């Protein structure tokens, strides 16, 4: 229970140093990996209030990273989609996060990395079996030695 908050606090500090907050990156990633969404779907995906998602989208739109597009069949709904600059930002942040994660997990020797990955995959499968969203599968990063 202590690792998750400590890790996300550390990640958030590193992301903030790059000029994009963790909440904004989470929003960009949701759009990248789940495609354009209406505001209510994005709100549910992020687990935030309607006011929060509006503020996030307003800020990202102001930075040119997302755009609002009219829904083709529902006049009341607006679709939020990534711009080219938004896709590039997600890509750069993903690459930067891989470097940051290697800073932490690269301190483990190769055997410990393999064991951690095995356990994370096992837990991810268990969570999926318990009804957790399937989109949280554990990737297979390249192992790094200390």
N, C-alpha and C. Protein backbone atom coordinates (compact mmCIF):
# COMPACT_ATOMS: atom_id res chain seq x y z
N UNK A 1 0.82 -1.19 0.00
CA UNK A 1 0.00 0.00 0.00
C UNK A 1 0.87 1.26 0.00
N UNK A 2 2.04 1.19 0.55
CA UNK A 2 2.89 2.37 0.63
C UNK A 2 3.60 2.64 -0.69
N UNK A 3 3.89 1.57 -1.46
CA UNK A 3 4.66 1.76 -2.69
C UNK A 3 3.89 2.59 -3.71
N UNK A 4 2.63 2.27 -3.95
CA UNK A 4 1.85 2.96 -4.98
C UNK A 4 1.83 4.47 -4.80
N UNK A 5 1.39 4.96 -3.64
CA UNK A 5 1.38 6.42 -3.45
C UNK A 5 2.77 7.05 -3.55
N UNK A 6 3.78 6.38 -3.02
CA UNK A 6 5.13 6.93 -3.09
C UNK A 6 5.61 7.00 -4.54
N UNK A 7 5.34 5.93 -5.29
CA UNK A 7 5.75 5.91 -6.70
C UNK A 7 5.03 6.99 -7.50
N UNK A 8 3.71 7.11 -7.32
CA UNK A 8 2.96 8.12 -8.07
C UNK A 8 3.33 9.54 -7.66
N UNK A 9 3.68 9.73 -6.40
CA UNK A 9 4.16 11.05 -5.98
C UNK A 9 5.47 11.37 -6.69
N UNK A 10 6.35 10.39 -6.76
CA UNK A 10 7.63 10.56 -7.44
C UNK A 10 7.42 10.83 -8.93
N UNK A 11 6.53 10.03 -9.56
CA UNK A 11 6.23 10.22 -10.99
C UNK A 11 5.62 11.60 -11.22
N UNK A 12 4.67 11.98 -10.38
CA UNK A 12 4.00 13.27 -10.54
C UNK A 12 4.99 14.42 -10.48
N UNK A 13 5.95 14.33 -9.57
CA UNK A 13 6.98 15.38 -9.48
C UNK A 13 7.80 15.43 -10.76
N UNK A 14 8.13 14.29 -11.34
CA UNK A 14 8.93 14.26 -12.57
C UNK A 14 8.12 14.76 -13.76
N UNK A 15 6.86 14.37 -13.83
CA UNK A 15 6.00 14.81 -14.93
C UNK A 15 5.79 16.32 -14.86
N UNK A 16 5.55 16.82 -13.65
CA UNK A 16 5.34 18.25 -13.46
C UNK A 16 6.57 19.04 -13.92
N UNK A 17 7.77 18.49 -13.68
CA UNK A 17 9.00 19.15 -14.12
C UNK A 17 9.04 19.30 -15.64
N UNK A 18 8.32 18.43 -16.35
CA UNK A 18 8.31 18.49 -17.81
C UNK A 18 7.27 19.47 -18.35
N UNK A 19 6.45 20.04 -17.44
CA UNK A 19 5.47 21.03 -17.86
C UNK A 19 4.08 20.50 -18.07
N UNK A 20 3.86 19.19 -17.88
CA UNK A 20 2.54 18.60 -18.04
C UNK A 20 2.21 17.90 -16.73
N UNK A 21 1.10 18.27 -16.10
CA UNK A 21 0.74 17.64 -14.83
C UNK A 21 0.35 16.18 -15.03
N UNK A 22 0.37 15.44 -13.94
CA UNK A 22 0.00 14.03 -13.99
C UNK A 22 -1.45 13.88 -14.46
N UNK A 23 -2.34 14.74 -13.96
CA UNK A 23 -3.75 14.66 -14.37
C UNK A 23 -3.91 14.91 -15.87
N UNK A 24 -3.16 15.85 -16.40
CA UNK A 24 -3.23 16.10 -17.84
C UNK A 24 -2.67 14.92 -18.63
N UNK A 25 -1.56 14.34 -18.14
CA UNK A 25 -1.00 13.19 -18.85
C UNK A 25 -1.97 12.01 -18.80
N UNK A 26 -2.63 11.82 -17.68
CA UNK A 26 -3.60 10.73 -17.57
C UNK A 26 -4.73 10.94 -18.58
N UNK A 27 -5.15 12.18 -18.75
CA UNK A 27 -6.21 12.50 -19.72
C UNK A 27 -5.73 12.23 -21.14
N UNK A 28 -4.53 12.67 -21.45
CA UNK A 28 -3.97 12.44 -22.79
C UNK A 28 -3.83 10.94 -23.07
N UNK A 29 -3.37 10.20 -22.06
CA UNK A 29 -3.22 8.75 -22.24
C UNK A 29 -4.56 8.07 -22.45
N UNK A 30 -5.58 8.50 -21.73
CA UNK A 30 -6.92 7.92 -21.91
C UNK A 30 -7.39 8.12 -23.34
N UNK A 31 -7.14 9.30 -23.88
CA UNK A 31 -7.56 9.58 -25.26
C UNK A 31 -6.70 8.81 -26.26
N UNK A 32 -5.43 8.66 -25.97
CA UNK A 32 -4.53 7.93 -26.88
C UNK A 32 -4.91 6.45 -26.95
N UNK A 33 -5.16 5.85 -25.79
CA UNK A 33 -5.35 4.41 -25.75
C UNK A 33 -6.80 3.97 -25.88
N UNK A 34 -7.75 4.88 -25.65
CA UNK A 34 -9.17 4.53 -25.77
C UNK A 34 -9.86 5.32 -26.86
N UNK A 35 -9.12 6.19 -27.53
CA UNK A 35 -9.68 6.95 -28.65
C UNK A 35 -10.51 8.14 -28.21
N UNK A 36 -11.00 8.91 -29.17
CA UNK A 36 -11.83 10.08 -28.86
C UNK A 36 -13.03 9.68 -28.02
N UNK A 37 -13.41 10.55 -27.08
CA UNK A 37 -14.49 10.23 -26.16
C UNK A 37 -15.34 11.46 -25.90
N UNK A 38 -16.59 11.20 -25.53
CA UNK A 38 -17.42 12.31 -25.07
C UNK A 38 -17.00 12.61 -23.63
N UNK A 39 -17.35 13.80 -23.17
CA UNK A 39 -16.90 14.26 -21.85
C UNK A 39 -17.29 13.30 -20.74
N UNK A 40 -18.52 12.79 -20.76
CA UNK A 40 -18.96 11.91 -19.67
C UNK A 40 -18.16 10.60 -19.66
N UNK A 41 -17.82 10.08 -20.81
CA UNK A 41 -17.00 8.86 -20.87
C UNK A 41 -15.59 9.14 -20.36
N UNK A 42 -15.06 10.28 -20.73
CA UNK A 42 -13.73 10.66 -20.27
C UNK A 42 -13.74 10.86 -18.75
N UNK A 43 -14.80 11.47 -18.24
CA UNK A 43 -14.96 11.66 -16.80
C UNK A 43 -14.94 10.31 -16.09
N UNK A 44 -15.70 9.36 -16.62
CA UNK A 44 -15.76 8.02 -16.01
C UNK A 44 -14.41 7.31 -16.11
N UNK A 45 -13.76 7.44 -17.24
CA UNK A 45 -12.45 6.81 -17.46
C UNK A 45 -11.43 7.32 -16.45
N UNK A 46 -11.47 8.63 -16.18
CA UNK A 46 -10.49 9.25 -15.28
C UNK A 46 -10.90 9.16 -13.82
N UNK A 47 -12.20 8.91 -13.58
CA UNK A 47 -12.67 8.85 -12.20
C UNK A 47 -12.67 10.20 -11.51
N UNK A 48 -13.03 11.24 -12.27
CA UNK A 48 -13.07 12.60 -11.73
C UNK A 48 -14.47 13.19 -11.91
N UNK A 49 -14.68 14.37 -11.36
CA UNK A 49 -15.97 15.04 -11.49
C UNK A 49 -16.09 15.68 -12.87
N UNK A 50 -17.32 16.03 -13.23
CA UNK A 50 -17.56 16.70 -14.51
C UNK A 50 -16.79 18.02 -14.55
N UNK A 51 -16.78 18.76 -13.44
CA UNK A 51 -16.06 20.03 -13.37
C UNK A 51 -14.55 19.83 -13.61
N UNK A 52 -14.01 18.76 -13.00
CA UNK A 52 -12.57 18.49 -13.17
C UNK A 52 -12.22 18.14 -14.61
N UNK A 53 -13.03 17.29 -15.24
CA UNK A 53 -12.73 16.91 -16.63
C UNK A 53 -12.87 18.12 -17.54
N UNK A 54 -13.83 19.00 -17.27
CA UNK A 54 -13.97 20.21 -18.07
C UNK A 54 -12.74 21.09 -17.93
N UNK A 55 -12.25 21.24 -16.70
CA UNK A 55 -11.04 22.05 -16.47
C UNK A 55 -9.83 21.43 -17.17
N UNK A 56 -9.71 20.11 -17.11
CA UNK A 56 -8.59 19.43 -17.78
C UNK A 56 -8.66 19.63 -19.29
N UNK A 57 -9.83 19.42 -19.85
CA UNK A 57 -9.99 19.57 -21.30
C UNK A 57 -9.77 21.02 -21.71
N UNK A 58 -10.28 21.97 -20.94
CA UNK A 58 -10.05 23.38 -21.25
C UNK A 58 -8.55 23.70 -21.30
N UNK A 59 -7.82 23.22 -20.30
CA UNK A 59 -6.37 23.48 -20.24
C UNK A 59 -5.65 22.82 -21.41
N UNK A 60 -5.99 21.56 -21.68
CA UNK A 60 -5.34 20.84 -22.78
C UNK A 60 -5.68 21.46 -24.13
N UNK A 61 -6.91 21.91 -24.27
CA UNK A 61 -7.31 22.57 -25.51
C UNK A 61 -6.55 23.89 -25.66
N UNK A 62 -6.40 24.60 -24.57
CA UNK A 62 -5.64 25.85 -24.60
C UNK A 62 -4.19 25.64 -25.00
N UNK A 63 -3.65 24.49 -24.66
CA UNK A 63 -2.27 24.15 -25.04
C UNK A 63 -2.18 23.52 -26.42
N UNK A 64 -3.34 23.34 -27.08
CA UNK A 64 -3.35 22.75 -28.42
C UNK A 64 -3.15 21.25 -28.45
N UNK A 65 -3.39 20.57 -27.31
CA UNK A 65 -3.16 19.13 -27.25
C UNK A 65 -4.41 18.30 -27.51
N UNK A 66 -5.59 18.89 -27.31
CA UNK A 66 -6.86 18.23 -27.63
C UNK A 66 -7.76 19.24 -28.34
N UNK A 67 -8.80 18.71 -28.96
CA UNK A 67 -9.80 19.60 -29.56
C UNK A 67 -11.18 19.01 -29.31
N UNK A 68 -12.14 19.91 -29.28
CA UNK A 68 -13.55 19.52 -29.15
C UNK A 68 -14.14 19.44 -30.54
N UNK A 69 -14.87 18.36 -30.79
CA UNK A 69 -15.50 18.14 -32.10
C UNK A 69 -16.97 17.84 -31.85
N UNK A 70 -17.85 18.42 -32.63
CA UNK A 70 -19.28 18.12 -32.43
C UNK A 70 -19.56 16.63 -32.65
N UNK A 71 -20.42 16.09 -31.82
CA UNK A 71 -20.83 14.69 -31.96
C UNK A 71 -21.66 14.58 -33.23
N UNK A 72 -21.45 13.56 -34.06
CA UNK A 72 -22.17 13.46 -35.33
C UNK A 72 -23.67 13.23 -35.21
N UNK A 73 -24.12 12.65 -34.09
CA UNK A 73 -25.55 12.35 -33.98
C UNK A 73 -26.23 12.95 -32.75
N UNK A 74 -25.46 13.42 -31.79
CA UNK A 74 -26.04 13.95 -30.55
C UNK A 74 -25.59 15.40 -30.37
N UNK A 75 -26.50 16.33 -30.63
CA UNK A 75 -26.15 17.76 -30.56
C UNK A 75 -25.71 18.19 -29.17
N UNK A 76 -26.12 17.45 -28.14
CA UNK A 76 -25.77 17.81 -26.77
C UNK A 76 -24.36 17.39 -26.40
N UNK A 77 -23.78 16.46 -27.14
CA UNK A 77 -22.47 15.90 -26.78
C UNK A 77 -21.36 16.50 -27.63
N UNK A 78 -20.19 16.55 -27.02
CA UNK A 78 -18.98 17.00 -27.71
C UNK A 78 -17.94 15.89 -27.56
N UNK A 79 -17.26 15.61 -28.63
CA UNK A 79 -16.20 14.59 -28.61
C UNK A 79 -14.87 15.29 -28.38
N UNK A 80 -14.06 14.70 -27.51
CA UNK A 80 -12.73 15.20 -27.23
C UNK A 80 -11.75 14.26 -27.92
N UNK A 81 -10.85 14.84 -28.71
CA UNK A 81 -9.86 14.02 -29.41
C UNK A 81 -8.49 14.66 -29.33
N UNK A 82 -7.47 13.85 -29.47
CA UNK A 82 -6.09 14.35 -29.47
C UNK A 82 -5.79 15.08 -30.77
N UNK A 83 -4.97 16.10 -30.66
CA UNK A 83 -4.41 16.74 -31.85
C UNK A 83 -3.08 16.04 -32.15
N UNK A 84 -2.45 16.39 -33.25
CA UNK A 84 -1.13 15.84 -33.55
C UNK A 84 -0.14 16.20 -32.44
N UNK A 85 -0.23 17.44 -31.94
CA UNK A 85 0.65 17.86 -30.85
C UNK A 85 0.37 17.03 -29.59
N UNK A 86 -0.88 16.69 -29.35
CA UNK A 86 -1.24 15.85 -28.20
C UNK A 86 -0.65 14.46 -28.32
N UNK A 87 -0.74 13.88 -29.52
CA UNK A 87 -0.15 12.54 -29.75
C UNK A 87 1.36 12.58 -29.55
N UNK A 88 2.00 13.63 -30.03
CA UNK A 88 3.45 13.76 -29.87
C UNK A 88 3.82 13.92 -28.39
N UNK A 89 3.01 14.67 -27.66
CA UNK A 89 3.26 14.85 -26.23
C UNK A 89 3.16 13.53 -25.49
N UNK A 90 2.12 12.73 -25.80
CA UNK A 90 1.96 11.42 -25.17
C UNK A 90 3.18 10.57 -25.48
N UNK A 91 3.61 10.56 -26.72
CA UNK A 91 4.76 9.74 -27.11
C UNK A 91 6.02 10.17 -26.34
N UNK A 92 6.26 11.47 -26.28
CA UNK A 92 7.46 11.97 -25.57
C UNK A 92 7.38 11.64 -24.09
N UNK A 93 6.20 11.79 -23.50
CA UNK A 93 6.04 11.50 -22.08
C UNK A 93 6.19 10.01 -21.80
N UNK A 94 5.71 9.17 -22.71
CA UNK A 94 5.87 7.73 -22.53
C UNK A 94 7.35 7.36 -22.54
N UNK A 95 8.08 7.92 -23.48
CA UNK A 95 9.52 7.66 -23.56
C UNK A 95 10.23 8.17 -22.31
N UNK A 96 9.86 9.37 -21.87
CA UNK A 96 10.48 9.94 -20.67
C UNK A 96 10.15 9.10 -19.44
N UNK A 97 8.92 8.59 -19.37
CA UNK A 97 8.54 7.77 -18.23
C UNK A 97 9.32 6.46 -18.22
N UNK A 98 9.57 5.90 -19.38
CA UNK A 98 10.35 4.66 -19.45
C UNK A 98 11.74 4.89 -18.86
N UNK A 99 12.32 6.04 -19.16
CA UNK A 99 13.64 6.38 -18.61
C UNK A 99 13.54 6.56 -17.09
N UNK A 100 12.50 7.26 -16.64
CA UNK A 100 12.32 7.48 -15.20
C UNK A 100 12.07 6.16 -14.47
N UNK A 101 11.24 5.30 -15.05
CA UNK A 101 10.95 4.01 -14.42
C UNK A 101 12.21 3.16 -14.33
N UNK A 102 13.04 3.22 -15.36
CA UNK A 102 14.30 2.47 -15.34
C UNK A 102 15.21 2.97 -14.22
N UNK A 103 15.07 4.24 -13.88
CA UNK A 103 15.85 4.81 -12.79
C UNK A 103 15.52 4.10 -11.47
N UNK A 104 14.26 3.75 -11.29
CA UNK A 104 13.83 3.06 -10.08
C UNK A 104 14.00 1.56 -10.21
N UNK A 105 13.36 0.98 -11.22
CA UNK A 105 13.34 -0.48 -11.34
C UNK A 105 14.67 -1.05 -11.84
N UNK A 106 15.49 -0.20 -12.47
CA UNK A 106 16.80 -0.64 -12.91
C UNK A 106 17.75 -0.91 -11.76
N UNK A 107 17.37 -0.49 -10.56
CA UNK A 107 18.19 -0.76 -9.37
C UNK A 107 18.08 -2.22 -8.94
N UNK A 108 17.04 -2.90 -9.44
CA UNK A 108 16.87 -4.32 -9.15
C UNK A 108 17.74 -5.12 -10.10
N UNK A 109 18.29 -6.23 -9.61
CA UNK A 109 19.06 -7.06 -10.55
C UNK A 109 18.08 -7.77 -11.47
N UNK A 110 18.59 -8.38 -12.52
CA UNK A 110 17.74 -8.97 -13.55
C UNK A 110 16.79 -10.02 -13.00
N UNK A 111 17.25 -10.84 -12.08
CA UNK A 111 16.38 -11.86 -11.48
C UNK A 111 15.23 -11.24 -10.70
N UNK A 112 15.52 -10.19 -9.95
CA UNK A 112 14.46 -9.51 -9.21
C UNK A 112 13.47 -8.83 -10.16
N UNK A 113 13.97 -8.29 -11.26
CA UNK A 113 13.08 -7.67 -12.25
C UNK A 113 12.14 -8.72 -12.84
N UNK A 114 12.69 -9.88 -13.18
CA UNK A 114 11.85 -10.95 -13.74
C UNK A 114 10.80 -11.40 -12.72
N UNK A 115 11.19 -11.53 -11.46
CA UNK A 115 10.25 -11.95 -10.43
C UNK A 115 9.16 -10.90 -10.22
N UNK A 116 9.53 -9.63 -10.20
CA UNK A 116 8.55 -8.56 -10.05
C UNK A 116 7.57 -8.58 -11.22
N UNK A 117 8.07 -8.72 -12.43
CA UNK A 117 7.22 -8.77 -13.60
C UNK A 117 6.28 -9.98 -13.55
N UNK A 118 6.80 -11.11 -13.12
CA UNK A 118 5.96 -12.32 -12.98
C UNK A 118 4.83 -12.07 -11.99
N UNK A 119 5.15 -11.46 -10.86
CA UNK A 119 4.14 -11.20 -9.83
C UNK A 119 3.13 -10.16 -10.30
N UNK A 120 3.58 -9.13 -10.99
CA UNK A 120 2.66 -8.11 -11.50
C UNK A 120 1.70 -8.69 -12.53
N UNK A 121 2.20 -9.57 -13.38
CA UNK A 121 1.33 -10.23 -14.36
C UNK A 121 0.31 -11.11 -13.66
N UNK A 122 0.74 -11.83 -12.64
CA UNK A 122 -0.16 -12.70 -11.88
C UNK A 122 -1.25 -11.86 -11.22
N UNK A 123 -0.87 -10.76 -10.56
CA UNK A 123 -1.84 -9.90 -9.90
C UNK A 123 -2.77 -9.22 -10.90
N UNK A 124 -2.23 -8.83 -12.05
CA UNK A 124 -3.05 -8.21 -13.08
C UNK A 124 -4.11 -9.18 -13.58
N UNK A 125 -3.71 -10.43 -13.79
CA UNK A 125 -4.67 -11.46 -14.23
C UNK A 125 -5.73 -11.69 -13.15
N UNK A 126 -5.33 -11.71 -11.90
CA UNK A 126 -6.29 -11.88 -10.81
C UNK A 126 -7.28 -10.72 -10.76
N UNK A 127 -6.78 -9.49 -10.90
CA UNK A 127 -7.66 -8.32 -10.89
C UNK A 127 -8.63 -8.37 -12.06
N UNK A 128 -8.15 -8.77 -13.22
CA UNK A 128 -9.03 -8.90 -14.38
C UNK A 128 -10.10 -9.94 -14.11
N UNK A 129 -9.71 -11.04 -13.49
CA UNK A 129 -10.67 -12.08 -13.15
C UNK A 129 -11.70 -11.61 -12.12
N UNK A 130 -11.32 -10.65 -11.31
CA UNK A 130 -12.24 -10.11 -10.30
C UNK A 130 -13.08 -8.97 -10.85
N UNK A 131 -12.93 -8.70 -12.14
CA UNK A 131 -13.76 -7.68 -12.77
C UNK A 131 -13.08 -6.35 -13.00
N UNK A 132 -11.79 -6.26 -12.71
CA UNK A 132 -11.07 -5.02 -12.99
C UNK A 132 -10.95 -4.87 -14.50
N UNK A 133 -10.77 -3.65 -14.94
CA UNK A 133 -10.68 -3.37 -16.37
C UNK A 133 -9.49 -4.10 -16.99
N UNK A 134 -9.72 -4.72 -18.12
CA UNK A 134 -8.67 -5.50 -18.79
C UNK A 134 -7.56 -4.62 -19.32
N UNK A 135 -7.76 -3.31 -19.44
CA UNK A 135 -6.76 -2.42 -20.02
C UNK A 135 -5.57 -2.16 -19.14
N UNK A 136 -5.49 -2.81 -17.97
CA UNK A 136 -4.37 -2.54 -17.09
C UNK A 136 -3.37 -3.69 -17.10
N UNK A 137 -3.19 -4.30 -18.25
CA UNK A 137 -2.23 -5.39 -18.37
C UNK A 137 -0.82 -4.89 -18.16
N UNK A 138 0.04 -5.75 -17.67
CA UNK A 138 1.42 -5.38 -17.41
C UNK A 138 2.25 -5.60 -18.66
N UNK A 139 2.90 -4.55 -19.11
CA UNK A 139 3.72 -4.63 -20.32
C UNK A 139 5.00 -5.40 -20.03
N UNK A 140 5.69 -5.76 -21.06
CA UNK A 140 6.97 -6.45 -20.91
C UNK A 140 8.08 -5.51 -21.33
N UNK A 141 8.63 -4.76 -20.37
CA UNK A 141 9.71 -3.85 -20.70
C UNK A 141 11.01 -4.62 -20.86
N UNK A 142 11.97 -4.00 -21.51
CA UNK A 142 13.28 -4.60 -21.60
C UNK A 142 13.92 -4.61 -20.21
N UNK A 143 14.55 -5.68 -19.84
CA UNK A 143 15.17 -5.74 -18.53
C UNK A 143 16.48 -4.98 -18.58
N UNK A 144 16.78 -4.26 -17.52
CA UNK A 144 18.02 -3.50 -17.44
C UNK A 144 18.80 -4.00 -16.25
N UNK A 145 20.08 -4.00 -16.41
CA UNK A 145 20.93 -4.40 -15.29
C UNK A 145 21.39 -3.15 -14.55
N UNK A 146 21.69 -3.38 -13.27
CA UNK A 146 22.17 -2.28 -12.44
C UNK A 146 23.46 -1.73 -12.97
